[in-house]
Amino acid sequence: MKNRPEGFLKAKFIAHHSEQFDY
């Protein structure tokens, strides 16, 4: 996963916290 851009990590973070932050 180290070949992934940090945008992927940010999207993953948002997806994980989507139940807290209703985007």
N, C-alpha and C. Protein backbone atom coordinates (compact mmCIF):
# COMPACT_ATOMS: atom_id res chain seq x y z
N MET A 1 0.83 -1.22 0.00
CA MET A 1 0.00 0.00 0.00
C MET A 1 0.86 1.26 0.00
N LYS A 2 2.17 1.11 0.11
CA LYS A 2 3.04 2.27 0.13
C LYS A 2 3.18 2.92 -1.25
N ASN A 3 2.67 2.23 -2.28
CA ASN A 3 2.66 2.81 -3.62
C ASN A 3 1.42 3.68 -3.86
N ARG A 4 0.53 3.68 -2.86
CA ARG A 4 -0.70 4.48 -2.96
C ARG A 4 -0.42 5.95 -2.64
N PRO A 5 -1.09 6.89 -3.32
CA PRO A 5 -0.97 8.31 -3.00
C PRO A 5 -1.64 8.60 -1.66
N GLU A 6 -1.26 9.70 -1.01
CA GLU A 6 -1.86 10.02 0.29
C GLU A 6 -3.32 10.43 0.16
N GLY A 7 -3.75 10.74 -1.06
CA GLY A 7 -5.17 11.00 -1.32
C GLY A 7 -6.02 9.76 -1.05
N PHE A 8 -5.42 8.59 -1.32
CA PHE A 8 -6.09 7.32 -1.04
C PHE A 8 -6.26 7.13 0.46
N LEU A 9 -5.24 7.48 1.22
CA LEU A 9 -5.29 7.37 2.68
C LEU A 9 -6.32 8.33 3.27
N LYS A 10 -6.39 9.52 2.69
CA LYS A 10 -7.37 10.52 3.14
C LYS A 10 -8.79 10.05 2.84
N ALA A 11 -8.99 9.50 1.64
CA ALA A 11 -10.30 8.97 1.26
C ALA A 11 -10.70 7.80 2.16
N LYS A 12 -9.72 6.98 2.51
CA LYS A 12 -9.96 5.85 3.40
C LYS A 12 -10.33 6.34 4.80
N PHE A 13 -9.65 7.40 5.24
CA PHE A 13 -9.94 8.01 6.54
C PHE A 13 -11.37 8.56 6.58
N ILE A 14 -11.74 9.27 5.52
CA ILE A 14 -13.09 9.84 5.40
C ILE A 14 -14.14 8.72 5.36
N ALA A 15 -13.85 7.67 4.62
CA ALA A 15 -14.77 6.53 4.51
C ALA A 15 -14.97 5.84 5.87
N HIS A 16 -13.89 5.78 6.65
CA HIS A 16 -13.96 5.16 7.97
C HIS A 16 -14.75 6.02 8.95
N HIS A 17 -14.61 7.34 8.81
CA HIS A 17 -15.28 8.27 9.72
C HIS A 17 -16.57 8.84 9.13
N SER A 18 -17.02 8.25 8.03
CA SER A 18 -18.23 8.74 7.35
C SER A 18 -19.48 8.65 8.23
N GLU A 19 -19.46 7.73 9.21
CA GLU A 19 -20.60 7.61 10.11
C GLU A 19 -20.60 8.72 11.16
N GLN A 20 -19.41 9.30 11.41
CA GLN A 20 -19.32 10.45 12.31
C GLN A 20 -19.57 11.74 11.52
N PHE A 21 -18.89 11.83 10.37
CA PHE A 21 -19.02 13.01 9.52
C PHE A 21 -19.89 12.67 8.31
N ASP A 22 -21.11 13.03 8.35
CA ASP A 22 -22.03 12.70 7.26
C ASP A 22 -21.79 13.62 6.07
N TYR A 23 -20.90 13.19 5.17
CA TYR A 23 -20.59 13.97 3.98
C TYR A 23 -21.69 13.77 2.93
